[in-house]
Amino acid sequence: MAYASSDLSVLAYANNFTLWHYTTVDASVTTAGYLDNAVDMLRVNDLIIANVDTDGTPTTTFYVVTGNDGSSVTIAAYI
């Protein structure tokens, strides 16, 4: 399954920082290119609370946007 913009929503925004929530049946959102269609919304250092694999073994992970070059977005687990 691919990224669905309707499953990405803003939880909070302040001082050029956005806290997002994303839910998906996909098992991983860290695959290269997964969030590229959200390139116009996601900024470096934004935080995403992701509920993944919601139809299998659901997990919740916090991700930080680590890169956005205007055409691709990269994220990493927030530790």
PDB file of N, CA and C in Angstrom:
ATOM      1  N   MET A   1       0.849  -1.171   0.000  1.00  0.00           N
ATOM      2  CA  MET A   1       0.000   0.000   0.000  1.00  0.00           C
ATOM      3  C   MET A   1       0.898   1.239   0.000  1.00  0.00           C
ATOM      4  N   ALA A   2       0.378   2.332  -0.440  1.00  0.00           N
ATOM      5  CA  ALA A   2       1.154   3.562  -0.550  1.00  0.00           C
ATOM      6  C   ALA A   2       0.641   4.626   0.414  1.00  0.00           C
ATOM      7  N   TYR A   3       1.434   5.678   0.523  1.00  0.00           N
ATOM      8  CA  TYR A   3       1.056   6.834   1.340  1.00  0.00           C
ATOM      9  C   TYR A   3      -0.314   7.354   0.905  1.00  0.00           C
ATOM     10  N   ALA A   4      -1.143   7.679   1.875  1.00  0.00           N
ATOM     11  CA  ALA A   4      -2.462   8.265   1.609  1.00  0.00           C
ATOM     12  C   ALA A   4      -2.555   9.583   2.365  1.00  0.00           C
ATOM     13  N   SER A   5      -2.692  10.671   1.629  1.00  0.00           N
ATOM     14  CA  SER A   5      -2.702  11.993   2.257  1.00  0.00           C
ATOM     15  C   SER A   5      -3.838  12.150   3.264  1.00  0.00           C
ATOM     16  N   SER A   6      -4.932  11.437   3.058  1.00  0.00           N
ATOM     17  CA  SER A   6      -6.061  11.543   3.986  1.00  0.00           C
ATOM     18  C   SER A   6      -5.754  10.922   5.349  1.00  0.00           C
ATOM     19  N   ASP A   7      -4.664  10.159   5.436  1.00  0.00           N
ATOM     20  CA  ASP A   7      -4.294   9.521   6.702  1.00  0.00           C
ATOM     21  C   ASP A   7      -3.238  10.305   7.478  1.00  0.00           C
ATOM     22  N   LEU A   8      -2.833  11.468   6.945  1.00  0.00           N
ATOM     23  CA  LEU A   8      -1.857  12.338   7.612  1.00  0.00           C
ATOM     24  C   LEU A   8      -2.589  13.576   8.102  1.00  0.00           C
ATOM     25  N   SER A   9      -2.501  13.839   9.392  1.00  0.00           N
ATOM     26  CA  SER A   9      -3.210  15.004   9.926  1.00  0.00           C
ATOM     27  C   SER A   9      -2.343  15.753  10.928  1.00  0.00           C
ATOM     28  N   VAL A  10      -2.593  17.043  11.030  1.00  0.00           N
ATOM     29  CA  VAL A  10      -1.862  17.905  11.961  1.00  0.00           C
ATOM     30  C   VAL A  10      -2.474  17.785  13.349  1.00  0.00           C
ATOM     31  N   LEU A  11      -1.624  17.553  14.337  1.00  0.00           N
ATOM     32  CA  LEU A  11      -2.079  17.548  15.725  1.00  0.00           C
ATOM     33  C   LEU A  11      -1.802  18.891  16.383  1.00  0.00           C
ATOM     34  N   ALA A  12      -0.657  19.502  16.031  1.00  0.00           N
ATOM     35  CA  ALA A  12      -0.291  20.794  16.614  1.00  0.00           C
ATOM     36  C   ALA A  12       0.721  21.481  15.706  1.00  0.00           C
ATOM     37  N   TYR A  13       0.657  22.809  15.706  1.00  0.00           N
ATOM     38  CA  TYR A  13       1.600  23.606  14.930  1.00  0.00           C
ATOM     39  C   TYR A  13       1.980  24.835  15.743  1.00  0.00           C
ATOM     40  N   ALA A  14       3.285  25.110  15.835  1.00  0.00           N
ATOM     41  CA  ALA A  14       3.762  26.310  16.522  1.00  0.00           C
ATOM     42  C   ALA A  14       5.220  26.549  16.147  1.00  0.00           C
ATOM     43  N   ASN A  15       5.569  27.808  15.947  1.00  0.00           N
ATOM     44  CA  ASN A  15       6.960  28.209  15.737  1.00  0.00           C
ATOM     45  C   ASN A  15       7.674  27.398  14.655  1.00  0.00           C
ATOM     46  N   ASN A  16       7.029  27.228  13.508  1.00  0.00           N
ATOM     47  CA  ASN A  16       7.604  26.473  12.382  1.00  0.00           C
ATOM     48  C   ASN A  16       7.852  25.003  12.685  1.00  0.00           C
ATOM     49  N   PHE A  17       7.095  24.439  13.607  1.00  0.00           N
ATOM     50  CA  PHE A  17       7.169  23.024  13.952  1.00  0.00           C
ATOM     51  C   PHE A  17       5.767  22.445  13.862  1.00  0.00           C
ATOM     52  N   THR A  18       5.660  21.252  13.269  1.00  0.00           N
ATOM     53  CA  THR A  18       4.366  20.591  13.177  1.00  0.00           C
ATOM     54  C   THR A  18       4.464  19.190  13.781  1.00  0.00           C
ATOM     55  N   LEU A  19       3.483  18.865  14.601  1.00  0.00           N
ATOM     56  CA  LEU A  19       3.327  17.522  15.141  1.00  0.00           C
ATOM     57  C   LEU A  19       2.229  16.857  14.323  1.00  0.00           C
ATOM     58  N   TRP A  20       2.570  15.752  13.686  1.00  0.00           N
ATOM     59  CA  TRP A  20       1.655  15.051  12.787  1.00  0.00           C
ATOM     60  C   TRP A  20       1.208  13.724  13.370  1.00  0.00           C
ATOM     61  N   HIS A  21       0.079  13.224  12.877  1.00  0.00           N
ATOM     62  CA  HIS A  21      -0.341  11.853  13.136  1.00  0.00           C
ATOM     63  C   HIS A  21      -0.570  11.187  11.790  1.00  0.00           C
ATOM     64  N   TYR A  22      -0.075   9.956  11.650  1.00  0.00           N
ATOM     65  CA  TYR A  22      -0.277   9.190  10.420  1.00  0.00           C
ATOM     66  C   TYR A  22      -0.671   7.776  10.793  1.00  0.00           C
ATOM     67  N   THR A  23      -1.668   7.254  10.122  1.00  0.00           N
ATOM     68  CA  THR A  23      -2.105   5.883  10.362  1.00  0.00           C
ATOM     69  C   THR A  23      -2.133   5.140   9.035  1.00  0.00           C
ATOM     70  N   THR A  24      -1.701   3.876   9.059  1.00  0.00           N
ATOM     71  CA  THR A  24      -1.634   3.102   7.824  1.00  0.00           C
ATOM     72  C   THR A  24      -1.654   1.606   8.116  1.00  0.00           C
ATOM     73  N   VAL A  25      -2.100   0.836   7.146  1.00  0.00           N
ATOM     74  CA  VAL A  25      -2.029  -0.615   7.246  1.00  0.00           C
ATOM     75  C   VAL A  25      -0.650  -1.110   6.816  1.00  0.00           C
ATOM     76  N   ASP A  26       0.163  -0.228   6.234  1.00  0.00           N
ATOM     77  CA  ASP A  26       1.518  -0.602   5.831  1.00  0.00           C
ATOM     78  C   ASP A  26       2.354  -0.959   7.057  1.00  0.00           C
ATOM     79  N   ALA A  27       3.279  -1.893   6.870  1.00  0.00           N
ATOM     80  CA  ALA A  27       4.136  -2.309   7.982  1.00  0.00           C
ATOM     81  C   ALA A  27       5.299  -1.350   8.201  1.00  0.00           C
ATOM     82  N   SER A  28       5.658  -0.579   7.185  1.00  0.00           N
ATOM     83  CA  SER A  28       6.786   0.337   7.327  1.00  0.00           C
ATOM     84  C   SER A  28       6.530   1.616   6.549  1.00  0.00           C
ATOM     85  N   VAL A  29       6.853   2.722   7.171  1.00  0.00           N
ATOM     86  CA  VAL A  29       6.748   4.014   6.482  1.00  0.00           C
ATOM     87  C   VAL A  29       8.132   4.584   6.195  1.00  0.00           C
ATOM     88  N   THR A  30       9.163   3.817   6.532  1.00  0.00           N
ATOM     89  CA  THR A  30      10.532   4.295   6.325  1.00  0.00           C
ATOM     90  C   THR A  30      11.100   3.887   4.968  1.00  0.00           C
ATOM     91  N   THR A  31      10.330   3.183   4.161  1.00  0.00           N
ATOM     92  CA  THR A  31      10.772   2.807   2.826  1.00  0.00           C
ATOM     93  C   THR A  31      11.075   4.061   2.017  1.00  0.00           C
ATOM     94  N   ALA A  32      12.175   4.033   1.277  1.00  0.00           N
ATOM     95  CA  ALA A  32      12.568   5.187   0.455  1.00  0.00           C
ATOM     96  C   ALA A  32      11.416   5.606  -0.452  1.00  0.00           C
ATOM     97  N   GLY A  33      11.107   6.878  -0.447  1.00  0.00           N
ATOM     98  CA  GLY A  33      10.062   7.427  -1.300  1.00  0.00           C
ATOM     99  C   GLY A  33       8.655   7.348  -0.738  1.00  0.00           C
ATOM    100  N   TYR A  34       8.475   6.697   0.406  1.00  0.00           N
ATOM    101  CA  TYR A  34       7.127   6.482   0.941  1.00  0.00           C
ATOM    102  C   TYR A  34       6.369   7.795   1.146  1.00  0.00           C
ATOM    103  N   LEU A  35       7.004   8.793   1.734  1.00  0.00           N
ATOM    104  CA  LEU A  35       6.330  10.052   2.057  1.00  0.00           C
ATOM    105  C   LEU A  35       6.613  11.174   1.050  1.00  0.00           C
ATOM    106  N   ASP A  36       7.169  10.837  -0.107  1.00  0.00           N
ATOM    107  CA  ASP A  36       7.529  11.867  -1.089  1.00  0.00           C
ATOM    108  C   ASP A  36       6.338  12.714  -1.546  1.00  0.00           C
ATOM    109  N   ASN A  37       5.153  12.150  -1.564  1.00  0.00           N
ATOM    110  CA  ASN A  37       3.972  12.932  -1.965  1.00  0.00           C
ATOM    111  C   ASN A  37       3.571  13.973  -0.920  1.00  0.00           C
ATOM    112  N   ALA A  38       4.188  13.922   0.252  1.00  0.00           N
ATOM    113  CA  ALA A  38       3.930  14.908   1.303  1.00  0.00           C
ATOM    114  C   ALA A  38       5.061  15.930   1.384  1.00  0.00           C
ATOM    115  N   VAL A  39       5.882  16.000   0.338  1.00  0.00           N
ATOM    116  CA  VAL A  39       7.061  16.867   0.342  1.00  0.00           C
ATOM    117  C   VAL A  39       6.708  18.333   0.586  1.00  0.00           C
ATOM    118  N   ASP A  40       5.534  18.769   0.162  1.00  0.00           N
ATOM    119  CA  ASP A  40       5.122  20.164   0.346  1.00  0.00           C
ATOM    120  C   ASP A  40       4.627  20.465   1.755  1.00  0.00           C
ATOM    121  N   MET A  41       4.410  19.426   2.565  1.00  0.00           N
ATOM    122  CA  MET A  41       3.881  19.639   3.912  1.00  0.00           C
ATOM    123  C   MET A  41       4.904  19.375   5.011  1.00  0.00           C
ATOM    124  N   LEU A  42       5.710  18.350   4.836  1.00  0.00           N
ATOM    125  CA  LEU A  42       6.631  17.932   5.894  1.00  0.00           C
ATOM    126  C   LEU A  42       7.932  18.718   5.827  1.00  0.00           C
ATOM    127  N   ARG A  43       8.362  19.200   7.002  1.00  0.00           N
ATOM    128  CA  ARG A  43       9.612  19.955   7.090  1.00  0.00           C
ATOM    129  C   ARG A  43      10.593  19.225   8.002  1.00  0.00           C
ATOM    130  N   VAL A  44      11.867  19.468   7.767  1.00  0.00           N
ATOM    131  CA  VAL A  44      12.903  18.880   8.604  1.00  0.00           C
ATOM    132  C   VAL A  44      12.633  19.242  10.066  1.00  0.00           C
ATOM    133  N   ASN A  45      12.739  18.264  10.915  1.00  0.00           N
ATOM    134  CA  ASN A  45      12.503  18.329  12.363  1.00  0.00           C
ATOM    135  C   ASN A  45      11.038  18.232  12.772  1.00  0.00           C
ATOM    136  N   ASP A  46      10.105  18.160  11.827  1.00  0.00           N
ATOM    137  CA  ASP A  46       8.720  17.860  12.195  1.00  0.00           C
ATOM    138  C   ASP A  46       8.686  16.467  12.821  1.00  0.00           C
ATOM    139  N   LEU A  47       7.707  16.229  13.669  1.00  0.00           N
ATOM    140  CA  LEU A  47       7.555  14.951  14.354  1.00  0.00           C
ATOM    141  C   LEU A  47       6.268  14.284  13.894  1.00  0.00           C
ATOM    142  N   ILE A  48       6.351  12.984  13.620  1.00  0.00           N
ATOM    143  CA  ILE A  48       5.195  12.210  13.162  1.00  0.00           C
ATOM    144  C   ILE A  48       4.946  11.071  14.144  1.00  0.00           C
ATOM    145  N   ILE A  49       3.741  11.022  14.679  1.00  0.00           N
ATOM    146  CA  ILE A  49       3.318   9.864  15.472  1.00  0.00           C
ATOM    147  C   ILE A  49       2.629   8.941  14.479  1.00  0.00           C
ATOM    148  N   ALA A  50       3.198   7.770  14.264  1.00  0.00           N
ATOM    149  CA  ALA A  50       2.669   6.863  13.239  1.00  0.00           C
ATOM    150  C   ALA A  50       2.126   5.583  13.854  1.00  0.00           C
ATOM    151  N   ASN A  51       0.891   5.292  13.535  1.00  0.00           N
ATOM    152  CA  ASN A  51       0.294   4.005  13.866  1.00  0.00           C
ATOM    153  C   ASN A  51       0.406   3.169  12.591  1.00  0.00           C
ATOM    154  N   VAL A  52       1.269   2.152  12.615  1.00  0.00           N
ATOM    155  CA  VAL A  52       1.530   1.364  11.411  1.00  0.00           C
ATOM    156  C   VAL A  52       1.047  -0.068  11.571  1.00  0.00           C
ATOM    157  N   ASP A  53       0.854  -0.718  10.438  1.00  0.00           N
ATOM    158  CA  ASP A  53       0.395  -2.102  10.382  1.00  0.00           C
ATOM    159  C   ASP A  53      -0.899  -2.282  11.177  1.00  0.00           C
ATOM    160  N   THR A  54      -1.833  -1.366  10.985  1.00  0.00           N
ATOM    161  CA  THR A  54      -3.063  -1.365  11.782  1.00  0.00           C
ATOM    162  C   THR A  54      -3.977  -2.552  11.507  1.00  0.00           C
ATOM    163  N   ASP A  55      -3.727  -3.277  10.417  1.00  0.00           N
ATOM    164  CA  ASP A  55      -4.543  -4.457  10.152  1.00  0.00           C
ATOM    165  C   ASP A  55      -3.786  -5.759  10.443  1.00  0.00           C
ATOM    166  N   GLY A  56      -2.600  -5.639  11.022  1.00  0.00           N
ATOM    167  CA  GLY A  56      -1.777  -6.811  11.345  1.00  0.00           C
ATOM    168  C   GLY A  56      -1.369  -6.779  12.799  1.00  0.00           C
ATOM    169  N   THR A  57      -0.116  -6.435  13.031  1.00  0.00           N
ATOM    170  CA  THR A  57       0.407  -6.277  14.379  1.00  0.00           C
ATOM    171  C   THR A  57       0.697  -4.798  14.588  1.00  0.00           C
ATOM    172  N   PRO A  58      -0.288  -4.038  15.047  1.00  0.00           N
ATOM    173  CA  PRO A  58      -0.149  -2.579  15.133  1.00  0.00           C
ATOM    174  C   PRO A  58       0.960  -2.146  16.096  1.00  0.00           C
ATOM    175  N   THR A  59       1.669  -1.106  15.676  1.00  0.00           N
ATOM    176  CA  THR A  59       2.666  -0.477  16.528  1.00  0.00           C
ATOM    177  C   THR A  59       2.551   1.028  16.371  1.00  0.00           C
ATOM    178  N   THR A  60       3.013   1.725  17.369  1.00  0.00           N
ATOM    179  CA  THR A  60       3.068   3.183  17.317  1.00  0.00           C
ATOM    180  C   THR A  60       4.519   3.588  17.474  1.00  0.00           C
ATOM    181  N   THR A  61       4.995   4.394  16.534  1.00  0.00           N
ATOM    182  CA  THR A  61       6.381   4.851  16.545  1.00  0.00           C
ATOM    183  C   THR A  61       6.415   6.341  16.282  1.00  0.00           C
ATOM    184  N   PHE A  62       7.319   7.026  16.942  1.00  0.00           N
ATOM    185  CA  PHE A  62       7.551   8.443  16.687  1.00  0.00           C
ATOM    186  C   PHE A  62       8.669   8.548  15.661  1.00  0.00           C
ATOM    187  N   TYR A  63       8.457   9.363  14.623  1.00  0.00           N
ATOM    188  CA  TYR A  63       9.464   9.590  13.593  1.00  0.00           C
ATOM    189  C   TYR A  63       9.749  11.080  13.507  1.00  0.00           C
ATOM    190  N   VAL A  64      10.993  11.403  13.169  1.00  0.00           N
ATOM    191  CA  VAL A  64      11.373  12.784  12.915  1.00  0.00           C
ATOM    192  C   VAL A  64      11.714  12.892  11.432  1.00  0.00           C
ATOM    193  N   VAL A  65      11.309  14.000  10.823  1.00  0.00           N
ATOM    194  CA  VAL A  65      11.665  14.246   9.425  1.00  0.00           C
ATOM    195  C   VAL A  65      13.127  14.683   9.411  1.00  0.00           C
ATOM    196  N   THR A  66      13.962  13.887   8.766  1.00  0.00           N
ATOM    197  CA  THR A  66      15.405  14.160   8.750  1.00  0.00           C
ATOM    198  C   THR A  66      15.865  14.829   7.466  1.00  0.00           C
ATOM    199  N   GLY A  67      15.032  14.788   6.431  1.00  0.00           N
ATOM    200  CA  GLY A  67      15.423  15.416   5.180  1.00  0.00           C
ATOM    201  C   GLY A  67      14.237  15.734   4.305  1.00  0.00           C
ATOM    202  N   ASN A  68      14.344  16.843   3.584  1.00  0.00           N
ATOM    203  CA  ASN A  68      13.352  17.238   2.595  1.00  0.00           C
ATOM    204  C   ASN A  68      14.082  18.134   1.596  1.00  0.00           C
ATOM    205  N   ASP A  69      14.358  17.584   0.418  1.00  0.00           N
ATOM    206  CA  ASP A  69      15.097  18.337  -0.593  1.00  0.00           C
ATOM    207  C   ASP A  69      14.197  18.939  -1.664  1.00  0.00           C
ATOM    208  N   GLY A  70      12.903  18.955  -1.397  1.00  0.00           N
ATOM    209  CA  GLY A  70      11.947  19.509  -2.348  1.00  0.00           C
ATOM    210  C   GLY A  70      11.342  18.473  -3.271  1.00  0.00           C
ATOM    211  N   SER A  71      11.932  17.276  -3.294  1.00  0.00           N
ATOM    212  CA  SER A  71      11.348  16.211  -4.107  1.00  0.00           C
ATOM    213  C   SER A  71      11.249  14.884  -3.349  1.00  0.00           C
ATOM    214  N   SER A  72      11.977  14.759  -2.255  1.00  0.00           N
ATOM    215  CA  SER A  72      11.879  13.542  -1.456  1.00  0.00           C
ATOM    216  C   SER A  72      11.971  13.876   0.030  1.00  0.00           C
ATOM    217  N   VAL A  73      11.331  13.025   0.812  1.00  0.00           N
ATOM    218  CA  VAL A  73      11.286  13.183   2.266  1.00  0.00           C
ATOM    219  C   VAL A  73      11.900  11.940   2.898  1.00  0.00           C
ATOM    220  N   THR A  74      12.750  12.147   3.904  1.00  0.00           N
ATOM    221  CA  THR A  74      13.291  11.027   4.663  1.00  0.00           C
ATOM    222  C   THR A  74      12.927  11.199   6.133  1.00  0.00           C
ATOM    223  N   ILE A  75      12.674  10.071   6.789  1.00  0.00           N
ATOM    224  CA  ILE A  75      12.340  10.080   8.213  1.00  0.00           C
ATOM    225  C   ILE A  75      13.172   9.030   8.918  1.00  0.00           C
ATOM    226  N   ALA A  76      13.291   9.186  10.221  1.00  0.00           N
ATOM    227  CA  ALA A  76      13.986   8.206  11.055  1.00  0.00           C
ATOM    228  C   ALA A  76      13.238   8.093  12.373  1.00  0.00           C
ATOM    229  N   ALA A  77      13.327   6.929  12.981  1.00  0.00           N
ATOM    230  CA  ALA A  77      12.698   6.739  14.290  1.00  0.00           C
ATOM    231  C   ALA A  77      13.290   7.740  15.270  1.00  0.00           C
ATOM    232  N   TYR A  78      12.417   8.352  16.038  1.00  0.00           N
ATOM    233  CA  TYR A  78      12.831   9.344  17.042  1.00  0.00           C
ATOM    234  C   TYR A  78      13.210   8.592  18.308  1.00  0.00           C
ATOM    235  N   ILE A  79      14.424   8.803  18.740  1.00  0.00           N
ATOM    236  CA  ILE A  79      14.898   8.082  19.931  1.00  0.00           C
ATOM    237  C   ILE A  79      15.165   9.056  21.049  1.00  0.00           C
TER     238      ILE A  79
END
